[in-house]
């Protein structure tokens, strides 16, 4: 077994980092762990729950760290989700 539970020798452990930030009366979701180029905006001031649910759905077969940012980019909350805990 590898250094992390559930991994075989030689497999990589990957954690995806997704940021959720308020913008112009909505919430922006971006993949901060890669240069993938995707950004999704939920145009509702109360769309934080939808944005977090979307971030969990984007995780793929990885662990994910969802960082909730304030309008100037400071982290105000961090949510860690394992693959089996997506709750979709």
PDB file of N, CA and C in Angstrom:
ATOM      1  N   UNK A   1       0.838  -1.180   0.000  1.00  0.00           N
ATOM      2  CA  UNK A   1       0.000   0.000   0.000  1.00  0.00           C
ATOM      3  C   UNK A   1       0.879   1.238   0.000  1.00  0.00           C
ATOM      4  N   UNK A   2       0.403   2.323  -0.610  1.00  0.00           N
ATOM      5  CA  UNK A   2       1.160   3.566  -0.695  1.00  0.00           C
ATOM      6  C   UNK A   2       1.115   4.347   0.605  1.00  0.00           C
ATOM      7  N   UNK A   3       1.603   5.567   0.557  1.00  0.00           N
ATOM      8  CA  UNK A   3       1.662   6.411   1.743  1.00  0.00           C
ATOM      9  C   UNK A   3       0.291   6.919   2.181  1.00  0.00           C
ATOM     10  N   UNK A   4      -0.681   6.847   1.302  1.00  0.00           N
ATOM     11  CA  UNK A   4      -2.019   7.316   1.617  1.00  0.00           C
ATOM     12  C   UNK A   4      -3.002   6.162   1.495  1.00  0.00           C
ATOM     13  N   UNK A   5      -3.978   6.060   2.408  1.00  0.00           N
ATOM     14  CA  UNK A   5      -4.930   4.953   2.363  1.00  0.00           C
ATOM     15  C   UNK A   5      -5.635   4.867   1.006  1.00  0.00           C
ATOM     16  N   UNK A   6      -5.783   3.654   0.497  1.00  0.00           N
ATOM     17  CA  UNK A   6      -6.491   3.448  -0.756  1.00  0.00           C
ATOM     18  C   UNK A   6      -5.647   3.579  -2.006  1.00  0.00           C
ATOM     19  N   UNK A   7      -4.377   3.943  -1.865  1.00  0.00           N
ATOM     20  CA  UNK A   7      -3.503   4.076  -3.027  1.00  0.00           C
ATOM     21  C   UNK A   7      -2.543   2.905  -3.103  1.00  0.00           C
ATOM     22  N   UNK A   8      -2.306   2.437  -4.297  1.00  0.00           N
ATOM     23  CA  UNK A   8      -1.309   1.398  -4.528  1.00  0.00           C
ATOM     24  C   UNK A   8       0.051   2.054  -4.735  1.00  0.00           C
ATOM     25  N   UNK A   9       1.092   1.257  -4.655  1.00  0.00           N
ATOM     26  CA  UNK A   9       2.440   1.775  -4.870  1.00  0.00           C
ATOM     27  C   UNK A   9       2.537   2.428  -6.249  1.00  0.00           C
ATOM     28  N   UNK A  10       3.090   3.614  -6.322  1.00  0.00           N
ATOM     29  CA  UNK A  10       3.287   4.309  -7.588  1.00  0.00           C
ATOM     30  C   UNK A  10       2.141   5.226  -7.990  1.00  0.00           C
ATOM     31  N   UNK A  11       0.997   5.155  -7.292  1.00  0.00           N
ATOM     32  CA  UNK A  11      -0.113   6.048  -7.629  1.00  0.00           C
ATOM     33  C   UNK A  11       0.126   7.413  -6.998  1.00  0.00           C
ATOM     34  N   UNK A  12      -0.383   8.443  -7.648  1.00  0.00           N
ATOM     35  CA  UNK A  12      -0.245   9.795  -7.122  1.00  0.00           C
ATOM     36  C   UNK A  12      -1.456  10.158  -6.284  1.00  0.00           C
ATOM     37  N   UNK A  13      -1.212  10.914  -5.240  1.00  0.00           N
ATOM     38  CA  UNK A  13      -2.269  11.464  -4.417  1.00  0.00           C
ATOM     39  C   UNK A  13      -2.496  12.882  -4.895  1.00  0.00           C
ATOM     40  N   UNK A  14      -3.728  13.209  -5.239  1.00  0.00           N
ATOM     41  CA  UNK A  14      -4.025  14.515  -5.812  1.00  0.00           C
ATOM     42  C   UNK A  14      -5.109  15.189  -4.981  1.00  0.00           C
ATOM     43  N   UNK A  15      -4.882  16.443  -4.641  1.00  0.00           N
ATOM     44  CA  UNK A  15      -5.932  17.228  -4.002  1.00  0.00           C
ATOM     45  C   UNK A  15      -6.231  18.407  -4.908  1.00  0.00           C
ATOM     46  N   UNK A  16      -7.471  18.512  -5.280  1.00  0.00           N
ATOM     47  CA  UNK A  16      -7.905  19.633  -6.106  1.00  0.00           C
ATOM     48  C   UNK A  16      -8.306  20.782  -5.177  1.00  0.00           C
ATOM     49  N   UNK A  17      -7.936  21.998  -5.549  1.00  0.00           N
ATOM     50  CA  UNK A  17      -8.303  23.189  -4.787  1.00  0.00           C
ATOM     51  C   UNK A  17      -9.266  24.005  -5.637  1.00  0.00           C
ATOM     52  N   UNK A  18     -10.456  24.234  -5.086  1.00  0.00           N
ATOM     53  CA  UNK A  18     -11.476  25.012  -5.775  1.00  0.00           C
ATOM     54  C   UNK A  18     -11.820  26.206  -4.898  1.00  0.00           C
ATOM     55  N   UNK A  19     -11.867  27.389  -5.515  1.00  0.00           N
ATOM     56  CA  UNK A  19     -12.175  28.611  -4.767  1.00  0.00           C
ATOM     57  C   UNK A  19     -13.565  29.119  -5.132  1.00  0.00           C
ATOM     58  N   UNK A  20     -14.285  29.566  -4.100  1.00  0.00           N
ATOM     59  CA  UNK A  20     -15.613  30.145  -4.250  1.00  0.00           C
ATOM     60  C   UNK A  20     -15.527  31.559  -3.685  1.00  0.00           C
ATOM     61  N   UNK A  21     -15.902  32.548  -4.501  1.00  0.00           N
ATOM     62  CA  UNK A  21     -15.723  33.948  -4.096  1.00  0.00           C
ATOM     63  C   UNK A  21     -16.913  34.787  -4.548  1.00  0.00           C
ATOM     64  N   UNK A  22     -17.396  35.707  -3.685  1.00  0.00           N
ATOM     65  CA  UNK A  22     -18.493  36.579  -4.094  1.00  0.00           C
ATOM     66  C   UNK A  22     -18.020  37.604  -5.133  1.00  0.00           C
ATOM     67  N   UNK A  23     -18.834  37.774  -6.188  1.00  0.00           N
ATOM     68  CA  UNK A  23     -18.534  38.767  -7.223  1.00  0.00           C
ATOM     69  C   UNK A  23     -19.832  39.364  -7.746  1.00  0.00           C
ATOM     70  N   UNK A  24     -19.930  40.657  -7.798  1.00  0.00           N
ATOM     71  CA  UNK A  24     -21.028  41.379  -8.445  1.00  0.00           C
ATOM     72  C   UNK A  24     -22.413  40.770  -8.178  1.00  0.00           C
ATOM     73  N   UNK A  25     -22.749  40.532  -6.928  1.00  0.00           N
ATOM     74  CA  UNK A  25     -24.063  40.008  -6.579  1.00  0.00           C
ATOM     75  C   UNK A  25     -24.227  38.521  -6.828  1.00  0.00           C
ATOM     76  N   UNK A  26     -23.134  37.797  -7.037  1.00  0.00           N
ATOM     77  CA  UNK A  26     -23.188  36.356  -7.266  1.00  0.00           C
ATOM     78  C   UNK A  26     -21.980  35.685  -6.651  1.00  0.00           C
ATOM     79  N   UNK A  27     -21.732  34.436  -7.068  1.00  0.00           N
ATOM     80  CA  UNK A  27     -20.601  33.670  -6.560  1.00  0.00           C
ATOM     81  C   UNK A  27     -19.833  33.052  -7.716  1.00  0.00           C
ATOM     82  N   UNK A  28     -18.515  33.233  -7.717  1.00  0.00           N
ATOM     83  CA  UNK A  28     -17.633  32.704  -8.760  1.00  0.00           C
ATOM     84  C   UNK A  28     -16.936  31.457  -8.228  1.00  0.00           C
ATOM     85  N   UNK A  29     -16.902  30.387  -9.054  1.00  0.00           N
ATOM     86  CA  UNK A  29     -16.232  29.144  -8.699  1.00  0.00           C
ATOM     87  C   UNK A  29     -15.101  28.925  -9.697  1.00  0.00           C
ATOM     88  N   UNK A  30     -13.867  28.745  -9.201  1.00  0.00           N
ATOM     89  CA  UNK A  30     -12.723  28.514 -10.085  1.00  0.00           C
ATOM     90  C   UNK A  30     -11.873  27.367  -9.555  1.00  0.00           C
ATOM     91  N   UNK A  31     -11.186  26.681 -10.466  1.00  0.00           N
ATOM     92  CA  UNK A  31     -10.248  25.625 -10.115  1.00  0.00           C
ATOM     93  C   UNK A  31      -8.892  26.280  -9.875  1.00  0.00           C
ATOM     94  N   UNK A  32      -8.495  26.373  -8.612  1.00  0.00           N
ATOM     95  CA  UNK A  32      -7.247  27.053  -8.268  1.00  0.00           C
ATOM     96  C   UNK A  32      -6.041  26.123  -8.312  1.00  0.00           C
ATOM     97  N   UNK A  33      -6.270  24.819  -8.487  1.00  0.00           N
ATOM     98  CA  UNK A  33      -5.164  23.870  -8.440  1.00  0.00           C
ATOM     99  C   UNK A  33      -4.571  23.568  -9.811  1.00  0.00           C
ATOM    100  N   UNK A  34      -5.183  24.077 -10.856  1.00  0.00           N
ATOM    101  CA  UNK A  34      -4.691  23.799 -12.209  1.00  0.00           C
ATOM    102  C   UNK A  34      -4.990  24.983 -13.112  1.00  0.00           C
ATOM    103  N   UNK A  35      -4.325  25.012 -14.220  1.00  0.00           N
ATOM    104  CA  UNK A  35      -4.565  26.071 -15.198  1.00  0.00           C
ATOM    105  C   UNK A  35      -5.609  25.595 -16.205  1.00  0.00           C
ATOM    106  N   UNK A  36      -6.760  25.167 -15.670  1.00  0.00           N
ATOM    107  CA  UNK A  36      -7.789  24.578 -16.528  1.00  0.00           C
ATOM    108  C   UNK A  36      -8.603  25.636 -17.264  1.00  0.00           C
ATOM    109  N   UNK A  37      -8.664  26.833 -16.702  1.00  0.00           N
ATOM    110  CA  UNK A  37      -9.360  27.912 -17.387  1.00  0.00           C
ATOM    111  C   UNK A  37     -10.861  27.976 -17.152  1.00  0.00           C
ATOM    112  N   UNK A  38     -11.435  27.071 -16.340  1.00  0.00           N
ATOM    113  CA  UNK A  38     -12.881  27.150 -16.161  1.00  0.00           C
ATOM    114  C   UNK A  38     -13.242  28.049 -14.991  1.00  0.00           C
ATOM    115  N   UNK A  39     -14.275  28.835 -15.218  1.00  0.00           N
ATOM    116  CA  UNK A  39     -14.859  29.706 -14.200  1.00  0.00           C
ATOM    117  C   UNK A  39     -16.363  29.607 -14.373  1.00  0.00           C
ATOM    118  N   UNK A  40     -17.076  29.435 -13.280  1.00  0.00           N
ATOM    119  CA  UNK A  40     -18.527  29.391 -13.318  1.00  0.00           C
ATOM    120  C   UNK A  40     -19.040  30.433 -12.340  1.00  0.00           C
ATOM    121  N   UNK A  41     -20.058  31.188 -12.746  1.00  0.00           N
ATOM    122  CA  UNK A  41     -20.636  32.216 -11.882  1.00  0.00           C
ATOM    123  C   UNK A  41     -22.099  31.893 -11.630  1.00  0.00           C
ATOM    124  N   UNK A  42     -22.487  31.932 -10.370  1.00  0.00           N
ATOM    125  CA  UNK A  42     -23.880  31.776  -9.978  1.00  0.00           C
ATOM    126  C   UNK A  42     -24.411  33.168  -9.658  1.00  0.00           C
ATOM    127  N   UNK A  43     -25.262  33.729 -10.524  1.00  0.00           N
ATOM    128  CA  UNK A  43     -25.693  35.129 -10.395  1.00  0.00           C
ATOM    129  C   UNK A  43     -26.788  35.329  -9.360  1.00  0.00           C
ATOM    130  N   UNK A  44     -26.494  35.011  -8.130  1.00  0.00           N
ATOM    131  CA  UNK A  44     -27.449  35.185  -7.054  1.00  0.00           C
ATOM    132  C   UNK A  44     -26.673  35.443  -5.776  1.00  0.00           C
ATOM    133  N   UNK A  45     -27.082  36.451  -5.037  1.00  0.00           N
ATOM    134  CA  UNK A  45     -26.378  36.777  -3.803  1.00  0.00           C
ATOM    135  C   UNK A  45     -26.457  35.642  -2.794  1.00  0.00           C
ATOM    136  N   UNK A  46     -27.491  34.814  -2.861  1.00  0.00           N
ATOM    137  CA  UNK A  46     -27.631  33.697  -1.932  1.00  0.00           C
ATOM    138  C   UNK A  46     -27.214  32.372  -2.582  1.00  0.00           C
ATOM    139  N   UNK A  47     -26.380  32.423  -3.610  1.00  0.00           N
ATOM    140  CA  UNK A  47     -25.964  31.248  -4.354  1.00  0.00           C
ATOM    141  C   UNK A  47     -24.773  30.509  -3.794  1.00  0.00           C
ATOM    142  N   UNK A  48     -24.344  30.834  -2.568  1.00  0.00           N
ATOM    143  CA  UNK A  48     -23.173  30.179  -1.995  1.00  0.00           C
ATOM    144  C   UNK A  48     -23.376  28.666  -1.900  1.00  0.00           C
ATOM    145  N   UNK A  49     -24.540  28.236  -1.449  1.00  0.00           N
ATOM    146  CA  UNK A  49     -24.807  26.798  -1.322  1.00  0.00           C
ATOM    147  C   UNK A  49     -24.727  26.106  -2.688  1.00  0.00           C
ATOM    148  N   UNK A  50     -25.289  26.729  -3.712  1.00  0.00           N
ATOM    149  CA  UNK A  50     -25.201  26.173  -5.068  1.00  0.00           C
ATOM    150  C   UNK A  50     -23.762  26.118  -5.553  1.00  0.00           C
ATOM    151  N   UNK A  51     -22.998  27.158  -5.268  1.00  0.00           N
ATOM    152  CA  UNK A  51     -21.600  27.215  -5.692  1.00  0.00           C
ATOM    153  C   UNK A  51     -20.784  26.103  -5.028  1.00  0.00           C
ATOM    154  N   UNK A  52     -21.022  25.855  -3.750  1.00  0.00           N
ATOM    155  CA  UNK A  52     -20.301  24.792  -3.040  1.00  0.00           C
ATOM    156  C   UNK A  52     -20.713  23.424  -3.579  1.00  0.00           C
ATOM    157  N   UNK A  53     -21.991  23.236  -3.838  1.00  0.00           N
ATOM    158  CA  UNK A  53     -22.463  21.970  -4.403  1.00  0.00           C
ATOM    159  C   UNK A  53     -21.824  21.721  -5.776  1.00  0.00           C
ATOM    160  N   UNK A  54     -21.734  22.767  -6.583  1.00  0.00           N
ATOM    161  CA  UNK A  54     -21.099  22.666  -7.895  1.00  0.00           C
ATOM    162  C   UNK A  54     -19.613  22.315  -7.746  1.00  0.00           C
ATOM    163  N   UNK A  55     -18.940  22.961  -6.789  1.00  0.00           N
ATOM    164  CA  UNK A  55     -17.515  22.685  -6.553  1.00  0.00           C
ATOM    165  C   UNK A  55     -17.307  21.216  -6.176  1.00  0.00           C
ATOM    166  N   UNK A  56     -18.185  20.670  -5.353  1.00  0.00           N
ATOM    167  CA  UNK A  56     -18.086  19.260  -4.976  1.00  0.00           C
ATOM    168  C   UNK A  56     -18.277  18.362  -6.197  1.00  0.00           C
ATOM    169  N   UNK A  57     -19.179  18.728  -7.084  1.00  0.00           N
ATOM    170  CA  UNK A  57     -19.430  17.928  -8.283  1.00  0.00           C
ATOM    171  C   UNK A  57     -18.234  17.951  -9.233  1.00  0.00           C
ATOM    172  N   UNK A  58     -17.444  19.028  -9.214  1.00  0.00           N
ATOM    173  CA  UNK A  58     -16.272  19.156 -10.090  1.00  0.00           C
ATOM    174  C   UNK A  58     -15.056  18.407  -9.577  1.00  0.00           C
ATOM    175  N   UNK A  59     -15.141  17.810  -8.422  1.00  0.00           N
ATOM    176  CA  UNK A  59     -13.955  17.239  -7.801  1.00  0.00           C
ATOM    177  C   UNK A  59     -13.375  16.048  -8.543  1.00  0.00           C
ATOM    178  N   UNK A  60     -14.183  15.243  -9.197  1.00  0.00           N
ATOM    179  CA  UNK A  60     -13.657  14.057  -9.867  1.00  0.00           C
ATOM    180  C   UNK A  60     -13.160  13.050  -8.849  1.00  0.00           C
ATOM    181  N   UNK A  61     -12.220  12.177  -9.232  1.00  0.00           N
ATOM    182  CA  UNK A  61     -11.754  11.122  -8.318  1.00  0.00           C
ATOM    183  C   UNK A  61     -10.642  11.596  -7.387  1.00  0.00           C
ATOM    184  N   UNK A  62     -10.760  12.785  -6.873  1.00  0.00           N
ATOM    185  CA  UNK A  62      -9.734  13.366  -6.014  1.00  0.00           C
ATOM    186  C   UNK A  62     -10.353  13.845  -4.716  1.00  0.00           C
ATOM    187  N   UNK A  63      -9.497  14.115  -3.750  1.00  0.00           N
ATOM    188  CA  UNK A  63      -9.944  14.870  -2.599  1.00  0.00           C
ATOM    189  C   UNK A  63     -10.014  16.312  -3.059  1.00  0.00           C
ATOM    190  N   UNK A  64     -10.861  17.087  -2.422  1.00  0.00           N
ATOM    191  CA  UNK A  64     -10.972  18.487  -2.811  1.00  0.00           C
ATOM    192  C   UNK A  64     -10.953  19.365  -1.565  1.00  0.00           C
ATOM    193  N   UNK A  65     -10.309  20.514  -1.731  1.00  0.00           N
ATOM    194  CA  UNK A  65     -10.350  21.548  -0.708  1.00  0.00           C
ATOM    195  C   UNK A  65     -11.094  22.716  -1.340  1.00  0.00           C
ATOM    196  N   UNK A  66     -12.225  23.063  -0.762  1.00  0.00           N
ATOM    197  CA  UNK A  66     -13.007  24.196  -1.252  1.00  0.00           C
ATOM    198  C   UNK A  66     -12.699  25.372  -0.336  1.00  0.00           C
ATOM    199  N   UNK A  67     -12.158  26.417  -0.930  1.00  0.00           N
ATOM    200  CA  UNK A  67     -11.827  27.624  -0.161  1.00  0.00           C
ATOM    201  C   UNK A  67     -12.881  28.683  -0.449  1.00  0.00           C
ATOM    202  N   UNK A  68     -13.560  29.115   0.605  1.00  0.00           N
ATOM    203  CA  UNK A  68     -14.532  30.193   0.471  1.00  0.00           C
ATOM    204  C   UNK A  68     -13.782  31.490   0.775  1.00  0.00           C
ATOM    205  N   UNK A  69     -13.777  32.389  -0.189  1.00  0.00           N
ATOM    206  CA  UNK A  69     -13.033  33.643  -0.072  1.00  0.00           C
ATOM    207  C   UNK A  69     -13.980  34.808   0.167  1.00  0.00           C
ATOM    208  N   UNK A  70     -13.449  35.891   0.728  1.00  0.00           N
ATOM    209  CA  UNK A  70     -14.222  37.124   0.814  1.00  0.00           C
ATOM    210  C   UNK A  70     -13.978  37.915  -0.474  1.00  0.00           C
ATOM    211  N   UNK A  71     -14.642  39.062  -0.655  1.00  0.00           N
ATOM    212  CA  UNK A  71     -14.511  39.806  -1.920  1.00  0.00           C
ATOM    213  C   UNK A  71     -13.083  40.220  -2.285  1.00  0.00           C
ATOM    214  N   UNK A  72     -12.185  40.363  -1.290  1.00  0.00           N
ATOM    215  CA  UNK A  72     -10.814  40.766  -1.621  1.00  0.00           C
ATOM    216  C   UNK A  72      -9.853  39.587  -1.730  1.00  0.00           C
ATOM    217  N   UNK A  73     -10.377  38.353  -1.620  1.00  0.00           N
ATOM    218  CA  UNK A  73      -9.564  37.174  -1.860  1.00  0.00           C
ATOM    219  C   UNK A  73      -8.982  36.483  -0.646  1.00  0.00           C
ATOM    220  N   UNK A  74      -9.346  36.909   0.561  1.00  0.00           N
ATOM    221  CA  UNK A  74      -8.868  36.236   1.764  1.00  0.00           C
ATOM    222  C   UNK A  74      -9.742  35.020   2.067  1.00  0.00           C
ATOM    223  N   UNK A  75      -9.135  33.931   2.510  1.00  0.00           N
ATOM    224  CA  UNK A  75      -9.873  32.720   2.851  1.00  0.00           C
ATOM    225  C   UNK A  75     -10.631  32.938   4.157  1.00  0.00           C
ATOM    226  N   UNK A  76     -11.964  32.706   4.124  1.00  0.00           N
ATOM    227  CA  UNK A  76     -12.783  32.841   5.326  1.00  0.00           C
ATOM    228  C   UNK A  76     -13.309  31.497   5.813  1.00  0.00           C
ATOM    229  N   UNK A  77     -13.255  30.469   4.959  1.00  0.00           N
ATOM    230  CA  UNK A  77     -13.681  29.129   5.343  1.00  0.00           C
ATOM    231  C   UNK A  77     -13.027  28.124   4.400  1.00  0.00           C
ATOM    232  N   UNK A  78     -12.760  26.935   4.917  1.00  0.00           N
ATOM    233  CA  UNK A  78     -12.184  25.857   4.112  1.00  0.00           C
ATOM    234  C   UNK A  78     -12.997  24.598   4.362  1.00  0.00           C
ATOM    235  N   UNK A  79     -13.375  23.929   3.269  1.00  0.00           N
ATOM    236  CA  UNK A  79     -14.156  22.699   3.353  1.00  0.00           C
ATOM    237  C   UNK A  79     -13.333  21.600   2.695  1.00  0.00           C
ATOM    238  N   UNK A  80     -13.044  20.531   3.436  1.00  0.00           N
ATOM    239  CA  UNK A  80     -12.305  19.384   2.896  1.00  0.00           C
ATOM    240  C   UNK A  80     -13.304  18.284   2.600  1.00  0.00           C
ATOM    241  N   UNK A  81     -13.254  17.741   1.388  1.00  0.00           N
ATOM    242  CA  UNK A  81     -14.190  16.694   0.983  1.00  0.00           C
ATOM    243  C   UNK A  81     -13.410  15.538   0.373  1.00  0.00           C
ATOM    244  N   UNK A  82     -13.627  14.335   0.893  1.00  0.00           N
ATOM    245  CA  UNK A  82     -13.066  13.132   0.289  1.00  0.00           C
ATOM    246  C   UNK A  82     -14.011  12.663  -0.807  1.00  0.00           C
ATOM    247  N   UNK A  83     -13.489  11.858  -1.703  1.00  0.00           N
ATOM    248  CA  UNK A  83     -14.279  11.389  -2.856  1.00  0.00           C
ATOM    249  C   UNK A  83     -15.601  10.775  -2.432  1.00  0.00           C
ATOM    250  N   UNK A  84     -15.620   9.991  -1.384  1.00  0.00           N
ATOM    251  CA  UNK A  84     -16.837   9.325  -0.942  1.00  0.00           C
ATOM    252  C   UNK A  84     -17.793  10.215  -0.179  1.00  0.00           C
ATOM    253  N   UNK A  85     -17.433  11.466   0.088  1.00  0.00           N
ATOM    254  CA  UNK A  85     -18.249  12.360   0.905  1.00  0.00           C
ATOM    255  C   UNK A  85     -18.885  13.481   0.101  1.00  0.00           C
ATOM    256  N   UNK A  86     -19.000  13.331  -1.204  1.00  0.00           N
ATOM    257  CA  UNK A  86     -19.487  14.446  -2.025  1.00  0.00           C
ATOM    258  C   UNK A  86     -20.912  14.828  -1.697  1.00  0.00           C
ATOM    259  N   UNK A  87     -21.755  13.880  -1.373  1.00  0.00           N
ATOM    260  CA  UNK A  87     -23.113  14.182  -0.979  1.00  0.00           C
ATOM    261  C   UNK A  87     -23.945  14.825  -2.046  1.00  0.00           C
ATOM    262  N   UNK A  88     -23.804  14.389  -3.288  1.00  0.00           N
ATOM    263  CA  UNK A  88     -24.571  14.988  -4.391  1.00  0.00           C
ATOM    264  C   UNK A  88     -25.955  14.407  -4.469  1.00  0.00           C
TER     265      UNK A  88
END
